Structure formats: structure tokens, C-alpha cells
Amino acid sequence: MHYLNAHLTQSLADRLKKRRVVIWYDPRREFTTFIAEMAGGTAPENCQIDSVEVSGKSTGLCVMQESFFELKFAAETCVAQGA
């Protein structure tokens, strides 16, 4: 793994451990490759909660596609289930 990706992964794992939910705002989509790597090779094409590994821990990943509301509804469903 590239040094920058390893650093990002560790930072993300630390934040997830402290806060449980992390919002990563990337309007210029500069981290699409990193997200694709984390998601198993390709960036998610749908706004849905996918299971991914971050530093050996299973977590959910949802990538906004068209609308913040789309992302909000996907996340609310996950939180309401206590996942």
C-alpha cells in the first residue's frame, strides 16, 4: 500500500473509532482512487451502504452520487437499524 493511502487509512480508522461516523467531503473527487481501493477495486456506483475493511475492522461505506439527500436517507436507514 502506498504511504499516503496507509496514512489515510489509519487516520480514517482513528476517527471511526472515536466518532463512529465520519463524513469525508471530496467535491473535486481527488480521493476516488483511494475509495475504490478501499471498496475492493472500483468506486461504488450507487448510493448504498457497502461493507468495507478499514484497518482490519468492518465498517459501512456510502458514496454520494447525485444528491446529499440520497446519502442522508441511506445513512439514516443504517443508523436507525443500529448498525
N, C-alpha and C. Protein backbone atom coordinates (compact mmCIF):
# COMPACT_ATOMS: atom_id res chain seq x y z
N MET A 1 0.85 -1.18 0.00
CA MET A 1 0.00 0.00 0.00
C MET A 1 0.90 1.24 0.00
N HIS A 2 0.51 2.20 -0.77
CA HIS A 2 1.22 3.47 -0.86
C HIS A 2 1.22 4.16 0.50
N TYR A 3 2.29 4.89 0.82
CA TYR A 3 2.42 5.55 2.13
C TYR A 3 1.24 6.49 2.41
N LEU A 4 0.83 7.28 1.42
CA LEU A 4 -0.29 8.20 1.64
C LEU A 4 -1.57 7.43 1.93
N ASN A 5 -1.81 6.35 1.19
CA ASN A 5 -3.01 5.53 1.43
C ASN A 5 -2.97 4.91 2.82
N ALA A 6 -1.80 4.45 3.24
CA ALA A 6 -1.67 3.87 4.58
C ALA A 6 -1.97 4.93 5.64
N HIS A 7 -1.49 6.14 5.44
CA HIS A 7 -1.75 7.24 6.38
C HIS A 7 -3.24 7.58 6.42
N LEU A 8 -3.86 7.69 5.24
CA LEU A 8 -5.29 7.99 5.18
C LEU A 8 -6.12 6.91 5.85
N THR A 9 -5.75 5.65 5.60
CA THR A 9 -6.47 4.53 6.21
C THR A 9 -6.37 4.57 7.72
N GLN A 10 -5.19 4.83 8.24
CA GLN A 10 -5.02 4.90 9.69
C GLN A 10 -5.77 6.07 10.29
N SER A 11 -5.72 7.23 9.63
CA SER A 11 -6.46 8.40 10.11
C SER A 11 -7.96 8.13 10.11
N LEU A 12 -8.45 7.49 9.06
CA LEU A 12 -9.86 7.14 8.98
C LEU A 12 -10.25 6.16 10.08
N ALA A 13 -9.41 5.16 10.31
CA ALA A 13 -9.68 4.17 11.37
C ALA A 13 -9.72 4.85 12.74
N ASP A 14 -8.80 5.78 12.99
CA ASP A 14 -8.80 6.51 14.27
C ASP A 14 -10.07 7.31 14.46
N ARG A 15 -10.49 8.00 13.41
CA ARG A 15 -11.71 8.81 13.51
C ARG A 15 -12.95 7.93 13.69
N LEU A 16 -12.99 6.81 12.98
CA LEU A 16 -14.13 5.89 13.14
C LEU A 16 -14.20 5.35 14.57
N LYS A 17 -13.05 5.07 15.13
CA LYS A 17 -13.01 4.55 16.50
C LYS A 17 -13.53 5.58 17.50
N LYS A 18 -13.17 6.85 17.29
CA LYS A 18 -13.58 7.92 18.21
C LYS A 18 -15.03 8.35 18.00
N ARG A 19 -15.47 8.42 16.74
CA ARG A 19 -16.75 9.06 16.46
C ARG A 19 -17.82 8.16 15.86
N ARG A 20 -17.43 6.99 15.37
CA ARG A 20 -18.31 6.01 14.76
C ARG A 20 -18.82 6.40 13.37
N VAL A 21 -19.04 7.68 13.10
CA VAL A 21 -19.47 8.14 11.78
C VAL A 21 -18.49 9.21 11.31
N VAL A 22 -18.01 9.05 10.08
CA VAL A 22 -17.08 10.02 9.50
C VAL A 22 -17.64 10.46 8.16
N ILE A 23 -17.68 11.76 7.96
CA ILE A 23 -18.11 12.32 6.68
C ILE A 23 -16.87 12.87 5.99
N TRP A 24 -16.62 12.40 4.79
CA TRP A 24 -15.44 12.80 4.03
C TRP A 24 -15.94 13.59 2.83
N TYR A 25 -15.74 14.87 2.86
CA TYR A 25 -16.21 15.75 1.80
C TYR A 25 -15.10 15.91 0.77
N ASP A 26 -15.32 15.46 -0.45
CA ASP A 26 -14.31 15.50 -1.51
C ASP A 26 -14.96 15.99 -2.81
N PRO A 27 -15.29 17.29 -2.87
CA PRO A 27 -16.03 17.79 -4.03
C PRO A 27 -15.27 17.67 -5.36
N ARG A 28 -13.96 17.69 -5.33
CA ARG A 28 -13.18 17.57 -6.57
C ARG A 28 -12.86 16.12 -6.90
N ARG A 29 -13.34 15.20 -6.07
CA ARG A 29 -13.15 13.75 -6.28
C ARG A 29 -11.68 13.37 -6.45
N GLU A 30 -10.84 13.97 -5.63
CA GLU A 30 -9.40 13.70 -5.68
C GLU A 30 -9.04 12.36 -5.02
N PHE A 31 -9.94 11.82 -4.21
CA PHE A 31 -9.65 10.58 -3.50
C PHE A 31 -10.47 9.40 -4.03
N THR A 32 -10.97 9.52 -5.23
CA THR A 32 -11.77 8.45 -5.84
C THR A 32 -10.98 7.15 -5.92
N THR A 33 -9.70 7.24 -6.27
CA THR A 33 -8.87 6.05 -6.37
C THR A 33 -8.71 5.38 -5.01
N PHE A 34 -8.51 6.18 -3.97
CA PHE A 34 -8.39 5.64 -2.61
C PHE A 34 -9.68 4.95 -2.19
N ILE A 35 -10.81 5.58 -2.46
CA ILE A 35 -12.11 5.00 -2.11
C ILE A 35 -12.33 3.70 -2.89
N ALA A 36 -11.96 3.71 -4.17
CA ALA A 36 -12.10 2.50 -4.99
C ALA A 36 -11.25 1.37 -4.42
N GLU A 37 -10.04 1.67 -4.00
CA GLU A 37 -9.16 0.66 -3.40
C GLU A 37 -9.78 0.10 -2.13
N MET A 38 -10.33 0.98 -1.32
CA MET A 38 -10.95 0.56 -0.07
C MET A 38 -12.19 -0.30 -0.34
N ALA A 39 -12.90 0.02 -1.45
CA ALA A 39 -14.13 -0.70 -1.79
C ALA A 39 -13.86 -2.00 -2.55
N GLY A 40 -12.60 -2.32 -2.79
CA GLY A 40 -12.29 -3.58 -3.44
C GLY A 40 -11.88 -3.47 -4.89
N GLY A 41 -11.63 -2.28 -5.40
CA GLY A 41 -11.13 -2.14 -6.76
C GLY A 41 -11.85 -1.13 -7.62
N THR A 42 -13.14 -0.97 -7.41
CA THR A 42 -13.89 0.03 -8.17
C THR A 42 -14.72 0.87 -7.21
N ALA A 43 -14.84 2.14 -7.56
CA ALA A 43 -15.64 3.04 -6.72
C ALA A 43 -17.11 2.66 -6.84
N PRO A 44 -17.84 2.69 -5.74
CA PRO A 44 -19.27 2.37 -5.79
C PRO A 44 -20.01 3.28 -6.76
N GLU A 45 -20.95 2.70 -7.50
CA GLU A 45 -21.72 3.46 -8.48
C GLU A 45 -23.12 3.80 -7.98
N ASN A 46 -23.49 3.23 -6.84
CA ASN A 46 -24.80 3.51 -6.25
C ASN A 46 -24.60 4.06 -4.85
N CYS A 47 -25.55 4.88 -4.43
CA CYS A 47 -25.51 5.41 -3.08
C CYS A 47 -26.19 4.39 -2.16
N GLN A 48 -25.37 3.51 -1.60
CA GLN A 48 -25.86 2.47 -0.70
C GLN A 48 -24.76 2.17 0.31
N ILE A 49 -25.13 1.57 1.40
CA ILE A 49 -24.16 1.21 2.43
C ILE A 49 -23.50 -0.11 2.01
N ASP A 50 -22.20 -0.07 1.76
CA ASP A 50 -21.42 -1.26 1.43
C ASP A 50 -20.48 -1.56 2.58
N SER A 51 -20.23 -2.82 2.82
CA SER A 51 -19.31 -3.23 3.88
C SER A 51 -17.88 -3.22 3.33
N VAL A 52 -16.98 -2.54 4.05
CA VAL A 52 -15.57 -2.47 3.67
C VAL A 52 -14.71 -2.69 4.92
N GLU A 53 -13.45 -2.97 4.71
CA GLU A 53 -12.49 -3.13 5.81
C GLU A 53 -11.63 -1.87 5.91
N VAL A 54 -11.52 -1.34 7.12
CA VAL A 54 -10.63 -0.21 7.39
C VAL A 54 -9.75 -0.62 8.54
N SER A 55 -8.48 -0.84 8.25
CA SER A 55 -7.51 -1.30 9.26
C SER A 55 -8.00 -2.55 9.99
N GLY A 56 -8.54 -3.49 9.23
CA GLY A 56 -8.96 -4.77 9.81
C GLY A 56 -10.32 -4.76 10.47
N LYS A 57 -11.00 -3.63 10.48
CA LYS A 57 -12.33 -3.53 11.09
C LYS A 57 -13.38 -3.35 10.00
N SER A 58 -14.47 -4.07 10.12
CA SER A 58 -15.56 -3.95 9.16
C SER A 58 -16.34 -2.67 9.45
N THR A 59 -16.65 -1.93 8.40
CA THR A 59 -17.42 -0.71 8.55
C THR A 59 -18.26 -0.50 7.29
N GLY A 60 -19.16 0.44 7.35
CA GLY A 60 -20.01 0.74 6.20
C GLY A 60 -19.46 1.92 5.42
N LEU A 61 -19.61 1.88 4.10
CA LEU A 61 -19.17 2.95 3.22
C LEU A 61 -20.33 3.33 2.31
N CYS A 62 -20.62 4.60 2.25
CA CYS A 62 -21.65 5.10 1.34
C CYS A 62 -21.05 6.29 0.60
N VAL A 63 -21.08 6.23 -0.72
CA VAL A 63 -20.51 7.29 -1.54
C VAL A 63 -21.64 8.05 -2.23
N MET A 64 -21.69 9.36 -2.01
CA MET A 64 -22.72 10.19 -2.62
C MET A 64 -22.57 10.17 -4.13
N GLN A 65 -23.68 10.04 -4.85
CA GLN A 65 -23.65 10.04 -6.31
C GLN A 65 -24.28 11.30 -6.88
N GLU A 66 -25.52 11.55 -6.55
CA GLU A 66 -26.26 12.65 -7.17
C GLU A 66 -26.67 13.74 -6.17
N SER A 67 -27.00 13.33 -4.96
CA SER A 67 -27.66 14.26 -4.06
C SER A 67 -27.26 13.98 -2.61
N PHE A 68 -27.14 15.05 -1.85
CA PHE A 68 -26.88 14.90 -0.42
C PHE A 68 -28.06 14.21 0.26
N PHE A 69 -29.28 14.44 -0.23
CA PHE A 69 -30.45 13.80 0.35
C PHE A 69 -30.40 12.28 0.16
N GLU A 70 -29.94 11.85 -1.00
CA GLU A 70 -29.77 10.43 -1.27
C GLU A 70 -28.84 9.80 -0.23
N LEU A 71 -27.76 10.45 0.06
CA LEU A 71 -26.80 9.98 1.05
C LEU A 71 -27.40 10.01 2.45
N LYS A 72 -28.12 11.08 2.75
CA LYS A 72 -28.75 11.22 4.06
C LYS A 72 -29.73 10.08 4.32
N PHE A 73 -30.56 9.74 3.34
CA PHE A 73 -31.54 8.66 3.51
C PHE A 73 -30.85 7.30 3.68
N ALA A 74 -29.78 7.06 2.94
CA ALA A 74 -29.05 5.80 3.07
C ALA A 74 -28.44 5.69 4.47
N ALA A 75 -27.84 6.78 4.95
CA ALA A 75 -27.22 6.77 6.28
C ALA A 75 -28.26 6.66 7.38
N GLU A 76 -29.39 7.34 7.24
CA GLU A 76 -30.44 7.27 8.26
C GLU A 76 -30.95 5.84 8.42
N THR A 77 -31.10 5.13 7.34
CA THR A 77 -31.56 3.75 7.38
C THR A 77 -30.58 2.89 8.18
N CYS A 78 -29.31 3.11 7.95
CA CYS A 78 -28.27 2.35 8.65
C CYS A 78 -28.27 2.68 10.14
N VAL A 79 -28.35 3.95 10.47
CA VAL A 79 -28.32 4.39 11.87
C VAL A 79 -29.57 3.92 12.61
N ALA A 80 -30.72 3.96 11.94
CA ALA A 80 -31.98 3.54 12.56
C ALA A 80 -31.97 2.06 12.90
N GLN A 81 -31.22 1.27 12.14
CA GLN A 81 -31.12 -0.16 12.41
C GLN A 81 -30.10 -0.47 13.50
N GLY A 82 -29.36 0.55 13.91
CA GLY A 82 -28.35 0.35 14.95
C GLY A 82 -27.07 -0.30 14.44
N ALA A 83 -26.85 -0.23 13.13
CA ALA A 83 -25.65 -0.85 12.54
C ALA A 83 -24.41 -0.02 12.77
